[in-house]
Amino acid sequence: MPRLPKVAGRLFDTFVARTNKSMMHDLDWGPFYKFIHHCACQRVLMRPADLQYLLEQRGFDAHQARHLSDVYDHGLYLVRMSLR
């Protein structure tokens, strides 16, 4: 099972706890973006497929988990590009 470092795990848990899993609200994205930003800046090694797995384990359906893992992958790329 994939594991997140301590701070990344806390940010992930905050996102999961505050998010409406059946239909995300606009305000649900902020904690997810904080998670992505932290992972990019701290070079957390989490493949999108592993994140999808973690999201599904925490109650997101497969479609939503896949979408969020795609957003995560794109977000990592954007943040890392801005850090260069």
PDB file of N, CA and C in Angstrom:
ATOM      1  N   MET A   1       0.848  -1.182   0.000  1.00  0.00           N
ATOM      2  CA  MET A   1       0.000   0.000   0.000  1.00  0.00           C
ATOM      3  C   MET A   1       0.896   1.249   0.000  1.00  0.00           C
ATOM      4  N   PRO A   2       0.598   2.221  -0.868  1.00  0.00           N
ATOM      5  CA  PRO A   2       1.393   3.448  -0.915  1.00  0.00           C
ATOM      6  C   PRO A   2       1.271   4.239   0.389  1.00  0.00           C
ATOM      7  N   ARG A   3       2.361   4.913   0.743  1.00  0.00           N
ATOM      8  CA  ARG A   3       2.372   5.731   1.958  1.00  0.00           C
ATOM      9  C   ARG A   3       2.841   7.135   1.621  1.00  0.00           C
ATOM     10  N   LEU A   4       2.289   8.073   2.333  1.00  0.00           N
ATOM     11  CA  LEU A   4       2.678   9.473   2.183  1.00  0.00           C
ATOM     12  C   LEU A   4       3.534   9.889   3.381  1.00  0.00           C
ATOM     13  N   PRO A   5       4.516  10.771   3.158  1.00  0.00           N
ATOM     14  CA  PRO A   5       5.250  11.321   4.293  1.00  0.00           C
ATOM     15  C   PRO A   5       4.296  12.062   5.235  1.00  0.00           C
ATOM     16  N   LYS A   6       4.762  12.341   6.447  1.00  0.00           N
ATOM     17  CA  LYS A   6       3.909  12.872   7.516  1.00  0.00           C
ATOM     18  C   LYS A   6       3.097  14.101   7.112  1.00  0.00           C
ATOM     19  N   VAL A   7       3.743  15.154   6.636  1.00  0.00           N
ATOM     20  CA  VAL A   7       3.015  16.390   6.315  1.00  0.00           C
ATOM     21  C   VAL A   7       2.091  16.175   5.122  1.00  0.00           C
ATOM     22  N   ALA A   8       2.582  15.488   4.101  1.00  0.00           N
ATOM     23  CA  ALA A   8       1.737  15.199   2.935  1.00  0.00           C
ATOM     24  C   ALA A   8       0.525  14.370   3.355  1.00  0.00           C
ATOM     25  N   GLY A   9       0.736  13.408   4.243  1.00  0.00           N
ATOM     26  CA  GLY A   9      -0.370  12.592   4.744  1.00  0.00           C
ATOM     27  C   GLY A   9      -1.396  13.419   5.499  1.00  0.00           C
ATOM     28  N   ARG A  10      -0.920  14.374   6.291  1.00  0.00           N
ATOM     29  CA  ARG A  10      -1.835  15.252   7.024  1.00  0.00           C
ATOM     30  C   ARG A  10      -2.659  16.107   6.069  1.00  0.00           C
ATOM     31  N   LEU A  11      -2.001  16.651   5.036  1.00  0.00           N
ATOM     32  CA  LEU A  11      -2.713  17.464   4.041  1.00  0.00           C
ATOM     33  C   LEU A  11      -3.723  16.616   3.268  1.00  0.00           C
ATOM     34  N   PHE A  12      -3.341  15.403   2.939  1.00  0.00           N
ATOM     35  CA  PHE A  12      -4.247  14.477   2.251  1.00  0.00           C
ATOM     36  C   PHE A  12      -5.450  14.166   3.143  1.00  0.00           C
ATOM     37  N   ASP A  13      -5.194  13.865   4.413  1.00  0.00           N
ATOM     38  CA  ASP A  13      -6.282  13.561   5.351  1.00  0.00           C
ATOM     39  C   ASP A  13      -7.234  14.739   5.506  1.00  0.00           C
ATOM     40  N   THR A  14      -6.690  15.955   5.547  1.00  0.00           N
ATOM     41  CA  THR A  14      -7.525  17.153   5.650  1.00  0.00           C
ATOM     42  C   THR A  14      -8.425  17.268   4.427  1.00  0.00           C
ATOM     43  N   PHE A  15      -7.858  17.068   3.251  1.00  0.00           N
ATOM     44  CA  PHE A  15      -8.650  17.112   2.021  1.00  0.00           C
ATOM     45  C   PHE A  15      -9.770  16.076   2.061  1.00  0.00           C
ATOM     46  N   VAL A  16      -9.421  14.842   2.385  1.00  0.00           N
ATOM     47  CA  VAL A  16     -10.406  13.759   2.389  1.00  0.00           C
ATOM     48  C   VAL A  16     -11.522  14.019   3.400  1.00  0.00           C
ATOM     49  N   ALA A  17     -11.150  14.506   4.576  1.00  0.00           N
ATOM     50  CA  ALA A  17     -12.135  14.724   5.635  1.00  0.00           C
ATOM     51  C   ALA A  17     -13.120  15.845   5.298  1.00  0.00           C
ATOM     52  N   ARG A  18     -12.659  16.842   4.555  1.00  0.00           N
ATOM     53  CA  ARG A  18     -13.491  18.018   4.275  1.00  0.00           C
ATOM     54  C   ARG A  18     -14.246  17.941   2.955  1.00  0.00           C
ATOM     55  N   THR A  19     -13.962  16.961   2.148  1.00  0.00           N
ATOM     56  CA  THR A  19     -14.506  16.914   0.792  1.00  0.00           C
ATOM     57  C   THR A  19     -15.797  16.119   0.711  1.00  0.00           C
ATOM     58  N   ASN A  20     -16.748  16.652  -0.027  1.00  0.00           N
ATOM     59  CA  ASN A  20     -17.970  15.937  -0.351  1.00  0.00           C
ATOM     60  C   ASN A  20     -17.606  14.945  -1.454  1.00  0.00           C
ATOM     61  N   LYS A  21     -17.513  13.686  -1.114  1.00  0.00           N
ATOM     62  CA  LYS A  21     -17.022  12.675  -2.055  1.00  0.00           C
ATOM     63  C   LYS A  21     -17.996  12.368  -3.188  1.00  0.00           C
ATOM     64  N   SER A  22     -19.265  12.627  -2.977  1.00  0.00           N
ATOM     65  CA  SER A  22     -20.236  12.322  -4.031  1.00  0.00           C
ATOM     66  C   SER A  22     -20.316  13.426  -5.083  1.00  0.00           C
ATOM     67  N   MET A  23     -20.050  14.681  -4.665  1.00  0.00           N
ATOM     68  CA  MET A  23     -20.068  15.793  -5.612  1.00  0.00           C
ATOM     69  C   MET A  23     -19.245  16.933  -5.027  1.00  0.00           C
ATOM     70  N   MET A  24     -18.030  17.068  -5.515  1.00  0.00           N
ATOM     71  CA  MET A  24     -17.129  18.064  -4.953  1.00  0.00           C
ATOM     72  C   MET A  24     -17.658  19.473  -5.165  1.00  0.00           C
ATOM     73  N   HIS A  25     -17.489  20.297  -4.144  1.00  0.00           N
ATOM     74  CA  HIS A  25     -17.863  21.696  -4.163  1.00  0.00           C
ATOM     75  C   HIS A  25     -16.627  22.509  -4.514  1.00  0.00           C
ATOM     76  N   ASP A  26     -16.826  23.726  -4.990  1.00  0.00           N
ATOM     77  CA  ASP A  26     -15.693  24.591  -5.342  1.00  0.00           C
ATOM     78  C   ASP A  26     -14.706  24.741  -4.187  1.00  0.00           C
ATOM     79  N   LEU A  27     -15.201  24.816  -2.969  1.00  0.00           N
ATOM     80  CA  LEU A  27     -14.332  24.999  -1.809  1.00  0.00           C
ATOM     81  C   LEU A  27     -13.515  23.751  -1.472  1.00  0.00           C
ATOM     82  N   ASP A  28     -13.882  22.604  -2.024  1.00  0.00           N
ATOM     83  CA  ASP A  28     -13.144  21.366  -1.769  1.00  0.00           C
ATOM     84  C   ASP A  28     -11.774  21.360  -2.452  1.00  0.00           C
ATOM     85  N   TRP A  29     -11.609  22.176  -3.477  1.00  0.00           N
ATOM     86  CA  TRP A  29     -10.373  22.143  -4.249  1.00  0.00           C
ATOM     87  C   TRP A  29      -9.186  22.755  -3.521  1.00  0.00           C
ATOM     88  N   GLY A  30      -9.407  23.756  -2.678  1.00  0.00           N
ATOM     89  CA  GLY A  30      -8.307  24.425  -1.983  1.00  0.00           C
ATOM     90  C   GLY A  30      -7.401  23.463  -1.222  1.00  0.00           C
ATOM     91  N   PRO A  31      -7.956  22.610  -0.358  1.00  0.00           N
ATOM     92  CA  PRO A  31      -7.101  21.654   0.356  1.00  0.00           C
ATOM     93  C   PRO A  31      -6.370  20.681  -0.579  1.00  0.00           C
ATOM     94  N   PHE A  32      -7.009  20.334  -1.682  1.00  0.00           N
ATOM     95  CA  PHE A  32      -6.348  19.424  -2.636  1.00  0.00           C
ATOM     96  C   PHE A  32      -5.187  20.133  -3.313  1.00  0.00           C
ATOM     97  N   TYR A  33      -5.367  21.397  -3.677  1.00  0.00           N
ATOM     98  CA  TYR A  33      -4.276  22.162  -4.289  1.00  0.00           C
ATOM     99  C   TYR A  33      -3.124  22.357  -3.307  1.00  0.00           C
ATOM    100  N   LYS A  34      -3.420  22.539  -2.020  1.00  0.00           N
ATOM    101  CA  LYS A  34      -2.359  22.647  -1.009  1.00  0.00           C
ATOM    102  C   LYS A  34      -1.566  21.344  -0.952  1.00  0.00           C
ATOM    103  N   PHE A  35      -2.274  20.226  -1.022  1.00  0.00           N
ATOM    104  CA  PHE A  35      -1.627  18.912  -1.038  1.00  0.00           C
ATOM    105  C   PHE A  35      -0.711  18.785  -2.248  1.00  0.00           C
ATOM    106  N   ILE A  36      -1.210  19.146  -3.425  1.00  0.00           N
ATOM    107  CA  ILE A  36      -0.415  19.063  -4.644  1.00  0.00           C
ATOM    108  C   ILE A  36       0.818  19.960  -4.541  1.00  0.00           C
ATOM    109  N   HIS A  37       0.629  21.187  -4.098  1.00  0.00           N
ATOM    110  CA  HIS A  37       1.732  22.141  -3.988  1.00  0.00           C
ATOM    111  C   HIS A  37       2.813  21.611  -3.046  1.00  0.00           C
ATOM    112  N   HIS A  38       2.393  21.096  -1.914  1.00  0.00           N
ATOM    113  CA  HIS A  38       3.347  20.542  -0.960  1.00  0.00           C
ATOM    114  C   HIS A  38       4.119  19.372  -1.586  1.00  0.00           C
ATOM    115  N   CYS A  39       3.402  18.463  -2.226  1.00  0.00           N
ATOM    116  CA  CYS A  39       4.052  17.299  -2.830  1.00  0.00           C
ATOM    117  C   CYS A  39       5.066  17.717  -3.893  1.00  0.00           C
ATOM    118  N   ALA A  40       4.728  18.719  -4.683  1.00  0.00           N
ATOM    119  CA  ALA A  40       5.640  19.186  -5.723  1.00  0.00           C
ATOM    120  C   ALA A  40       6.868  19.842  -5.108  1.00  0.00           C
ATOM    121  N   CYS A  41       6.668  20.716  -4.147  1.00  0.00           N
ATOM    122  CA  CYS A  41       7.786  21.453  -3.540  1.00  0.00           C
ATOM    123  C   CYS A  41       8.698  20.551  -2.719  1.00  0.00           C
ATOM    124  N   GLN A  42       8.128  19.544  -2.086  1.00  0.00           N
ATOM    125  CA  GLN A  42       8.917  18.644  -1.239  1.00  0.00           C
ATOM    126  C   GLN A  42       9.359  17.374  -1.978  1.00  0.00           C
ATOM    127  N   ARG A  43       9.053  17.341  -3.262  1.00  0.00           N
ATOM    128  CA  ARG A  43       9.430  16.196  -4.105  1.00  0.00           C
ATOM    129  C   ARG A  43       8.936  14.856  -3.551  1.00  0.00           C
ATOM    130  N   VAL A  44       7.696  14.867  -3.124  1.00  0.00           N
ATOM    131  CA  VAL A  44       7.061  13.636  -2.643  1.00  0.00           C
ATOM    132  C   VAL A  44       6.866  12.717  -3.842  1.00  0.00           C
ATOM    133  N   LEU A  45       7.316  11.489  -3.708  1.00  0.00           N
ATOM    134  CA  LEU A  45       7.202  10.527  -4.801  1.00  0.00           C
ATOM    135  C   LEU A  45       5.913   9.721  -4.643  1.00  0.00           C
ATOM    136  N   MET A  46       4.889  10.174  -5.349  1.00  0.00           N
ATOM    137  CA  MET A  46       3.588   9.506  -5.330  1.00  0.00           C
ATOM    138  C   MET A  46       3.084   9.457  -6.761  1.00  0.00           C
ATOM    139  N   ARG A  47       3.030   8.261  -7.305  1.00  0.00           N
ATOM    140  CA  ARG A  47       2.517   8.120  -8.671  1.00  0.00           C
ATOM    141  C   ARG A  47       1.014   8.378  -8.678  1.00  0.00           C
ATOM    142  N   PRO A  48       0.494   8.926  -9.780  1.00  0.00           N
ATOM    143  CA  PRO A  48      -0.955   9.154  -9.860  1.00  0.00           C
ATOM    144  C   PRO A  48      -1.774   7.891  -9.594  1.00  0.00           C
ATOM    145  N   ALA A  49      -1.298   6.744 -10.064  1.00  0.00           N
ATOM    146  CA  ALA A  49      -2.028   5.494  -9.825  1.00  0.00           C
ATOM    147  C   ALA A  49      -2.075   5.158  -8.337  1.00  0.00           C
ATOM    148  N   ASP A  50      -0.999   5.464  -7.612  1.00  0.00           N
ATOM    149  CA  ASP A  50      -0.989   5.228  -6.168  1.00  0.00           C
ATOM    150  C   ASP A  50      -1.955   6.174  -5.455  1.00  0.00           C
ATOM    151  N   LEU A  51      -1.992   7.428  -5.899  1.00  0.00           N
ATOM    152  CA  LEU A  51      -2.935   8.377  -5.315  1.00  0.00           C
ATOM    153  C   LEU A  51      -4.364   7.927  -5.596  1.00  0.00           C
ATOM    154  N   GLN A  52      -4.615   7.460  -6.801  1.00  0.00           N
ATOM    155  CA  GLN A  52      -5.944   6.961  -7.134  1.00  0.00           C
ATOM    156  C   GLN A  52      -6.338   5.834  -6.180  1.00  0.00           C
ATOM    157  N   TYR A  53      -5.421   4.940  -5.925  1.00  0.00           N
ATOM    158  CA  TYR A  53      -5.680   3.844  -4.993  1.00  0.00           C
ATOM    159  C   TYR A  53      -6.041   4.378  -3.601  1.00  0.00           C
ATOM    160  N   LEU A  54      -5.233   5.317  -3.104  1.00  0.00           N
ATOM    161  CA  LEU A  54      -5.494   5.894  -1.778  1.00  0.00           C
ATOM    162  C   LEU A  54      -6.859   6.578  -1.724  1.00  0.00           C
ATOM    163  N   LEU A  55      -7.209   7.295  -2.777  1.00  0.00           N
ATOM    164  CA  LEU A  55      -8.508   7.975  -2.825  1.00  0.00           C
ATOM    165  C   LEU A  55      -9.656   6.965  -2.812  1.00  0.00           C
ATOM    166  N   GLU A  56      -9.516   5.897  -3.572  1.00  0.00           N
ATOM    167  CA  GLU A  56     -10.555   4.866  -3.589  1.00  0.00           C
ATOM    168  C   GLU A  56     -10.677   4.208  -2.220  1.00  0.00           C
ATOM    169  N   GLN A  57      -9.559   4.001  -1.544  1.00  0.00           N
ATOM    170  CA  GLN A  57      -9.586   3.413  -0.205  1.00  0.00           C
ATOM    171  C   GLN A  57     -10.275   4.316   0.803  1.00  0.00           C
ATOM    172  N   ARG A  58     -10.282   5.613   0.530  1.00  0.00           N
ATOM    173  CA  ARG A  58     -10.883   6.593   1.442  1.00  0.00           C
ATOM    174  C   ARG A  58     -12.297   6.996   1.034  1.00  0.00           C
ATOM    175  N   GLY A  59     -12.908   6.277   0.077  1.00  0.00           N
ATOM    176  CA  GLY A  59     -14.320   6.472  -0.208  1.00  0.00           C
ATOM    177  C   GLY A  59     -14.690   7.158  -1.505  1.00  0.00           C
ATOM    178  N   PHE A  60     -13.711   7.554  -2.306  1.00  0.00           N
ATOM    179  CA  PHE A  60     -14.009   8.146  -3.608  1.00  0.00           C
ATOM    180  C   PHE A  60     -14.292   7.024  -4.607  1.00  0.00           C
ATOM    181  N   ASP A  61     -15.264   7.248  -5.499  1.00  0.00           N
ATOM    182  CA  ASP A  61     -15.509   6.230  -6.518  1.00  0.00           C
ATOM    183  C   ASP A  61     -14.362   6.254  -7.537  1.00  0.00           C
ATOM    184  N   ALA A  62     -14.263   5.204  -8.334  1.00  0.00           N
ATOM    185  CA  ALA A  62     -13.134   5.040  -9.249  1.00  0.00           C
ATOM    186  C   ALA A  62     -13.018   6.200 -10.237  1.00  0.00           C
ATOM    187  N   HIS A  63     -14.141   6.677 -10.738  1.00  0.00           N
ATOM    188  CA  HIS A  63     -14.120   7.780 -11.704  1.00  0.00           C
ATOM    189  C   HIS A  63     -13.573   9.057 -11.065  1.00  0.00           C
ATOM    190  N   GLN A  64     -14.084   9.396  -9.902  1.00  0.00           N
ATOM    191  CA  GLN A  64     -13.645  10.605  -9.198  1.00  0.00           C
ATOM    192  C   GLN A  64     -12.164  10.486  -8.802  1.00  0.00           C
ATOM    193  N   ALA A  65     -11.768   9.320  -8.325  1.00  0.00           N
ATOM    194  CA  ALA A  65     -10.375   9.102  -7.925  1.00  0.00           C
ATOM    195  C   ALA A  65      -9.443   9.240  -9.123  1.00  0.00           C
ATOM    196  N   ARG A  66      -9.867   8.734 -10.264  1.00  0.00           N
ATOM    197  CA  ARG A  66      -9.057   8.850 -11.487  1.00  0.00           C
ATOM    198  C   ARG A  66      -8.935  10.320 -11.894  1.00  0.00           C
ATOM    199  N   HIS A  67     -10.036  11.041 -11.846  1.00  0.00           N
ATOM    200  CA  HIS A  67     -10.022  12.463 -12.198  1.00  0.00           C
ATOM    201  C   HIS A  67      -9.082  13.240 -11.272  1.00  0.00           C
ATOM    202  N   LEU A  68      -9.184  13.001  -9.975  1.00  0.00           N
ATOM    203  CA  LEU A  68      -8.327  13.694  -9.021  1.00  0.00           C
ATOM    204  C   LEU A  68      -6.859  13.324  -9.215  1.00  0.00           C
ATOM    205  N   SER A  69      -6.575  12.076  -9.532  1.00  0.00           N
ATOM    206  CA  SER A  69      -5.176  11.692  -9.760  1.00  0.00           C
ATOM    207  C   SER A  69      -4.633  12.347 -11.030  1.00  0.00           C
ATOM    208  N   ASP A  70      -5.492  12.562 -12.026  1.00  0.00           N
ATOM    209  CA  ASP A  70      -5.070  13.290 -13.229  1.00  0.00           C
ATOM    210  C   ASP A  70      -4.785  14.758 -12.901  1.00  0.00           C
ATOM    211  N   VAL A  71      -5.657  15.374 -12.105  1.00  0.00           N
ATOM    212  CA  VAL A  71      -5.445  16.765 -11.682  1.00  0.00           C
ATOM    213  C   VAL A  71      -4.143  16.854 -10.894  1.00  0.00           C
ATOM    214  N   TYR A  72      -3.902  15.903 -10.005  1.00  0.00           N
ATOM    215  CA  TYR A  72      -2.675  15.843  -9.222  1.00  0.00           C
ATOM    216  C   TYR A  72      -1.450  15.803 -10.144  1.00  0.00           C
ATOM    217  N   ASP A  73      -1.483  14.944 -11.131  1.00  0.00           N
ATOM    218  CA  ASP A  73      -0.357  14.793 -12.058  1.00  0.00           C
ATOM    219  C   ASP A  73      -0.088  16.097 -12.812  1.00  0.00           C
ATOM    220  N   HIS A  74      -1.126  16.730 -13.306  1.00  0.00           N
ATOM    221  CA  HIS A  74      -0.975  18.003 -14.016  1.00  0.00           C
ATOM    222  C   HIS A  74      -0.501  19.099 -13.061  1.00  0.00           C
ATOM    223  N   GLY A  75      -1.057  19.127 -11.864  1.00  0.00           N
ATOM    224  CA  GLY A  75      -0.666  20.124 -10.879  1.00  0.00           C
ATOM    225  C   GLY A  75       0.799  20.007 -10.493  1.00  0.00           C
ATOM    226  N   LEU A  76       1.278  18.777 -10.304  1.00  0.00           N
ATOM    227  CA  LEU A  76       2.696  18.565  -9.997  1.00  0.00           C
ATOM    228  C   LEU A  76       3.565  19.158 -11.098  1.00  0.00           C
ATOM    229  N   TYR A  77       3.198  18.866 -12.315  1.00  0.00           N
ATOM    230  CA  TYR A  77       3.972  19.355 -13.459  1.00  0.00           C
ATOM    231  C   TYR A  77       4.016  20.886 -13.470  1.00  0.00           C
ATOM    232  N   LEU A  78       2.875  21.508 -13.272  1.00  0.00           N
ATOM    233  CA  LEU A  78       2.819  22.973 -13.298  1.00  0.00           C
ATOM    234  C   LEU A  78       3.646  23.607 -12.182  1.00  0.00           C
ATOM    235  N   VAL A  79       3.513  23.077 -10.991  1.00  0.00           N
ATOM    236  CA  VAL A  79       4.281  23.640  -9.867  1.00  0.00           C
ATOM    237  C   VAL A  79       5.766  23.439 -10.098  1.00  0.00           C
ATOM    238  N   ARG A  80       6.151  22.253 -10.517  1.00  0.00           N
ATOM    239  CA  ARG A  80       7.579  21.983 -10.748  1.00  0.00           C
ATOM    240  C   ARG A  80       8.142  22.856 -11.853  1.00  0.00           C
ATOM    241  N   MET A  81       7.346  23.144 -12.866  1.00  0.00           N
ATOM    242  CA  MET A  81       7.802  24.034 -13.949  1.00  0.00           C
ATOM    243  C   MET A  81       8.023  25.450 -13.411  1.00  0.00           C
ATOM    244  N   SER A  82       7.178  25.886 -12.493  1.00  0.00           N
ATOM    245  CA  SER A  82       7.313  27.242 -11.961  1.00  0.00           C
ATOM    246  C   SER A  82       8.501  27.361 -11.004  1.00  0.00           C
ATOM    247  N   LEU A  83       8.971  26.232 -10.481  1.00  0.00           N
ATOM    248  CA  LEU A  83      10.107  26.242  -9.547  1.00  0.00           C
ATOM    249  C   LEU A  83      11.451  26.232 -10.261  1.00  0.00           C
ATOM    250  N   ARG A  84      11.440  26.014 -11.542  1.00  0.00           N
ATOM    251  CA  ARG A  84      12.702  25.961 -12.302  1.00  0.00           C
ATOM    252  C   ARG A  84      13.266  27.307 -12.557  1.00  0.00           C
TER     253      ARG A  84
END
